[in-house]
Amino acid sequence: MAKITDNGIIAIPGKHSVNQTVETLKSILQAKGVKLFALIDHSGEAEKVGMKMRPTKLLIFGNPKAGTPVMLAAPTIAIDLPLKILIGEDNQGKVWISYDSPIYLQERHRLPQELLQDIAVVETLAAKAAE
């Protein structure tokens, strides 16, 4: 069951650990020819400064062939692109896969309907990573 917040974030439950889910998503991105721009290990960075944080990692990814027309049509969407998926563990040990709702981004940046599909791919990627 997805959690939908009033700030445009959708979170779906994962079935595996944060690290396993990250590896799954990386494999999916590679197989689809989507560029992984960055993998930010928030919990790992917290540990380096002596702080504890539940496992939390952010993947930033995209495809310039799809993203460039989106940014040309709605230039402010560049603040929200490339696409991102956050994979984190809550206080009960449950893994959540979170991302910005494509509809939220469309409305926020007045993206034309015909380009929605270019950012909606994040939903499919998150769902596959959750399996």
C-alpha atoms as a PDB file:
ATOM      1  CA  MET A   1       0.000   0.000   0.000  1.00  0.00           C
ATOM      2  CA  ALA A   2       1.457   3.360  -1.013  1.00  0.00           C
ATOM      3  CA  LYS A   3       1.632   6.295   1.336  1.00  0.00           C
ATOM      4  CA  ILE A   4       0.805   9.532  -0.439  1.00  0.00           C
ATOM      5  CA  THR A   5       1.643  12.746   1.332  1.00  0.00           C
ATOM      6  CA  ASP A   6       0.206  16.197   0.811  1.00  0.00           C
ATOM      7  CA  ASN A   7       3.618  17.446  -0.315  1.00  0.00           C
ATOM      8  CA  GLY A   8       3.771  15.339  -3.469  1.00  0.00           C
ATOM      9  CA  ILE A   9       5.822  12.436  -2.151  1.00  0.00           C
ATOM     10  CA  ILE A  10       4.733   8.861  -2.752  1.00  0.00           C
ATOM     11  CA  ALA A  11       6.198   6.067  -0.612  1.00  0.00           C
ATOM     12  CA  ILE A  12       5.733   2.388  -1.341  1.00  0.00           C
ATOM     13  CA  PRO A  13       6.879  -0.479   0.864  1.00  0.00           C
ATOM     14  CA  GLY A  14       9.872  -2.519  -0.180  1.00  0.00           C
ATOM     15  CA  LYS A  15      10.296  -6.255   0.371  1.00  0.00           C
ATOM     16  CA  HIS A  16      14.065  -6.270   0.799  1.00  0.00           C
ATOM     17  CA  SER A  17      16.791  -4.419   2.688  1.00  0.00           C
ATOM     18  CA  VAL A  18      17.865  -0.935   1.676  1.00  0.00           C
ATOM     19  CA  ASN A  19      21.090  -2.278   0.158  1.00  0.00           C
ATOM     20  CA  GLN A  20      19.316  -5.053  -1.769  1.00  0.00           C
ATOM     21  CA  THR A  21      16.731  -2.577  -3.051  1.00  0.00           C
ATOM     22  CA  VAL A  22      19.443  -0.146  -4.139  1.00  0.00           C
ATOM     23  CA  GLU A  23      21.246  -2.922  -6.029  1.00  0.00           C
ATOM     24  CA  THR A  24      18.000  -3.991  -7.679  1.00  0.00           C
ATOM     25  CA  LEU A  25      17.237  -0.446  -8.775  1.00  0.00           C
ATOM     26  CA  LYS A  26      20.785   0.053 -10.079  1.00  0.00           C
ATOM     27  CA  SER A  27      20.424  -3.117 -12.174  1.00  0.00           C
ATOM     28  CA  ILE A  28      17.061  -1.979 -13.532  1.00  0.00           C
ATOM     29  CA  LEU A  29      18.477   1.429 -14.476  1.00  0.00           C
ATOM     30  CA  GLN A  30      21.462  -0.143 -16.204  1.00  0.00           C
ATOM     31  CA  ALA A  31      19.280  -2.615 -18.125  1.00  0.00           C
ATOM     32  CA  LYS A  32      17.072   0.237 -19.345  1.00  0.00           C
ATOM     33  CA  GLY A  33      20.008   2.430 -20.348  1.00  0.00           C
ATOM     34  CA  VAL A  34      19.180   5.058 -17.728  1.00  0.00           C
ATOM     35  CA  LYS A  35      22.156   6.971 -16.365  1.00  0.00           C
ATOM     36  CA  LEU A  36      22.772   6.847 -12.617  1.00  0.00           C
ATOM     37  CA  PHE A  37      24.153  10.317 -11.910  1.00  0.00           C
ATOM     38  CA  ALA A  38      24.698   9.824  -8.184  1.00  0.00           C
ATOM     39  CA  LEU A  39      24.127   7.515  -5.256  1.00  0.00           C
ATOM     40  CA  ILE A  40      24.096   9.384  -1.973  1.00  0.00           C
ATOM     41  CA  ASP A  41      24.480   7.282   1.148  1.00  0.00           C
ATOM     42  CA  HIS A  42      22.965   9.589   3.769  1.00  0.00           C
ATOM     43  CA  SER A  43      23.334   7.061   6.588  1.00  0.00           C
ATOM     44  CA  GLY A  44      26.909   6.274   5.594  1.00  0.00           C
ATOM     45  CA  GLU A  45      27.808   9.960   5.627  1.00  0.00           C
ATOM     46  CA  ALA A  46      26.137  10.369   9.037  1.00  0.00           C
ATOM     47  CA  GLU A  47      28.233   7.490  10.355  1.00  0.00           C
ATOM     48  CA  LYS A  48      31.426   9.201   9.151  1.00  0.00           C
ATOM     49  CA  VAL A  49      30.691  12.126  11.488  1.00  0.00           C
ATOM     50  CA  GLY A  50      29.820   9.902  14.430  1.00  0.00           C
ATOM     51  CA  MET A  51      26.043  10.030  14.074  1.00  0.00           C
ATOM     52  CA  LYS A  52      23.524   7.204  13.775  1.00  0.00           C
ATOM     53  CA  MET A  53      20.889   7.150  11.067  1.00  0.00           C
ATOM     54  CA  ARG A  54      18.689   4.342   9.776  1.00  0.00           C
ATOM     55  CA  PRO A  55      19.861   3.055   6.365  1.00  0.00           C
ATOM     56  CA  THR A  56      18.942   5.781   3.859  1.00  0.00           C
ATOM     57  CA  LYS A  57      20.170   6.128   0.271  1.00  0.00           C
ATOM     58  CA  LEU A  58      19.193   8.448  -2.565  1.00  0.00           C
ATOM     59  CA  LEU A  59      19.582   7.536  -6.228  1.00  0.00           C
ATOM     60  CA  ILE A  60      19.631  10.365  -8.769  1.00  0.00           C
ATOM     61  CA  PHE A  61      19.126   9.205 -12.332  1.00  0.00           C
ATOM     62  CA  GLY A  62      17.786  10.144 -15.722  1.00  0.00           C
ATOM     63  CA  ASN A  63      17.943  10.053 -19.462  1.00  0.00           C
ATOM     64  CA  PRO A  64      18.911  13.305 -21.188  1.00  0.00           C
ATOM     65  CA  LYS A  65      16.881  12.314 -24.266  1.00  0.00           C
ATOM     66  CA  ALA A  66      13.738  12.289 -22.118  1.00  0.00           C
ATOM     67  CA  GLY A  67      14.665  14.975 -19.605  1.00  0.00           C
ATOM     68  CA  THR A  68      15.838  17.681 -21.976  1.00  0.00           C
ATOM     69  CA  PRO A  69      12.476  18.128 -23.766  1.00  0.00           C
ATOM     70  CA  VAL A  70      10.793  18.229 -20.345  1.00  0.00           C
ATOM     71  CA  MET A  71      13.124  21.008 -19.172  1.00  0.00           C
ATOM     72  CA  LEU A  72      12.726  22.904 -22.438  1.00  0.00           C
ATOM     73  CA  ALA A  73       8.939  22.864 -22.032  1.00  0.00           C
ATOM     74  CA  ALA A  74       9.005  23.695 -18.310  1.00  0.00           C
ATOM     75  CA  PRO A  75      12.414  25.153 -17.392  1.00  0.00           C
ATOM     76  CA  THR A  76      11.782  25.321 -13.638  1.00  0.00           C
ATOM     77  CA  ILE A  77      11.414  21.533 -13.484  1.00  0.00           C
ATOM     78  CA  ALA A  78      15.213  21.425 -13.692  1.00  0.00           C
ATOM     79  CA  ILE A  79      15.192  22.045  -9.935  1.00  0.00           C
ATOM     80  CA  ASP A  80      13.466  18.651  -9.514  1.00  0.00           C
ATOM     81  CA  LEU A  81      15.359  16.780 -12.226  1.00  0.00           C
ATOM     82  CA  PRO A  82      17.115  14.426 -12.610  1.00  0.00           C
ATOM     83  CA  LEU A  83      14.600  12.036 -11.137  1.00  0.00           C
ATOM     84  CA  LYS A  84      15.228  10.726  -7.638  1.00  0.00           C
ATOM     85  CA  ILE A  85      14.257   7.696  -5.597  1.00  0.00           C
ATOM     86  CA  LEU A  86      14.894   7.603  -1.863  1.00  0.00           C
ATOM     87  CA  ILE A  87      15.254   4.184  -0.246  1.00  0.00           C
ATOM     88  CA  GLY A  88      15.162   4.204   3.507  1.00  0.00           C
ATOM     89  CA  GLU A  89      14.363   2.162   6.556  1.00  0.00           C
ATOM     90  CA  ASP A  90      11.896   3.440   9.161  1.00  0.00           C
ATOM     91  CA  ASN A  91      12.120   3.004  12.932  1.00  0.00           C
ATOM     92  CA  GLN A  92      10.314  -0.349  12.699  1.00  0.00           C
ATOM     93  CA  GLY A  93      12.823  -1.702  10.165  1.00  0.00           C
ATOM     94  CA  LYS A  94      10.407  -1.391   7.219  1.00  0.00           C
ATOM     95  CA  VAL A  95      11.969  -0.277   3.936  1.00  0.00           C
ATOM     96  CA  TRP A  96      10.222   2.479   1.988  1.00  0.00           C
ATOM     97  CA  ILE A  97      10.824   3.572  -1.600  1.00  0.00           C
ATOM     98  CA  SER A  98       9.896   7.231  -2.014  1.00  0.00           C
ATOM     99  CA  TYR A  99       9.709   9.546  -5.005  1.00  0.00           C
ATOM    100  CA  ASP A 100       8.053  12.740  -6.187  1.00  0.00           C
ATOM    101  CA  SER A 101       4.618  12.213  -7.662  1.00  0.00           C
ATOM    102  CA  PRO A 102       4.790  12.884 -11.413  1.00  0.00           C
ATOM    103  CA  ILE A 103       1.389  14.624 -11.220  1.00  0.00           C
ATOM    104  CA  TYR A 104       2.703  16.850  -8.428  1.00  0.00           C
ATOM    105  CA  LEU A 105       5.732  17.769 -10.564  1.00  0.00           C
ATOM    106  CA  GLN A 106       3.521  18.340 -13.596  1.00  0.00           C
ATOM    107  CA  GLU A 107       1.282  20.711 -11.667  1.00  0.00           C
ATOM    108  CA  ARG A 108       4.146  22.419  -9.857  1.00  0.00           C
ATOM    109  CA  HIS A 109       5.944  23.268 -13.105  1.00  0.00           C
ATOM    110  CA  ARG A 110       2.981  23.416 -15.513  1.00  0.00           C
ATOM    111  CA  LEU A 111       4.434  20.606 -17.592  1.00  0.00           C
ATOM    112  CA  PRO A 112       2.410  19.857 -20.732  1.00  0.00           C
ATOM    113  CA  GLN A 113       0.372  16.659 -20.485  1.00  0.00           C
ATOM    114  CA  GLU A 114       2.148  15.052 -23.441  1.00  0.00           C
ATOM    115  CA  LEU A 115       5.466  15.132 -21.534  1.00  0.00           C
ATOM    116  CA  LEU A 116       4.121  13.624 -18.309  1.00  0.00           C
ATOM    117  CA  GLN A 117       5.107  10.127 -19.463  1.00  0.00           C
ATOM    118  CA  ASP A 118       8.760  11.192 -19.530  1.00  0.00           C
ATOM    119  CA  ILE A 119       8.791  11.710 -15.762  1.00  0.00           C
ATOM    120  CA  ALA A 120       6.123   9.130 -14.874  1.00  0.00           C
ATOM    121  CA  VAL A 121       8.669   6.377 -15.539  1.00  0.00           C
ATOM    122  CA  VAL A 122       9.784   6.900 -11.925  1.00  0.00           C
ATOM    123  CA  GLU A 123       6.625   5.095 -10.772  1.00  0.00           C
ATOM    124  CA  THR A 124       7.442   1.969 -12.789  1.00  0.00           C
ATOM    125  CA  LEU A 125      11.054   1.981 -11.631  1.00  0.00           C
ATOM    126  CA  ALA A 126      10.055   2.320  -7.978  1.00  0.00           C
ATOM    127  CA  ALA A 127       7.473  -0.465  -8.307  1.00  0.00           C
ATOM    128  CA  LYS A 128      10.018  -2.824  -9.868  1.00  0.00           C
ATOM    129  CA  ALA A 129      12.562  -2.018  -7.164  1.00  0.00           C
ATOM    130  CA  ALA A 130       9.921  -2.798  -4.512  1.00  0.00           C
ATOM    131  CA  GLU A 131       9.315  -6.343  -5.813  1.00  0.00           C
END
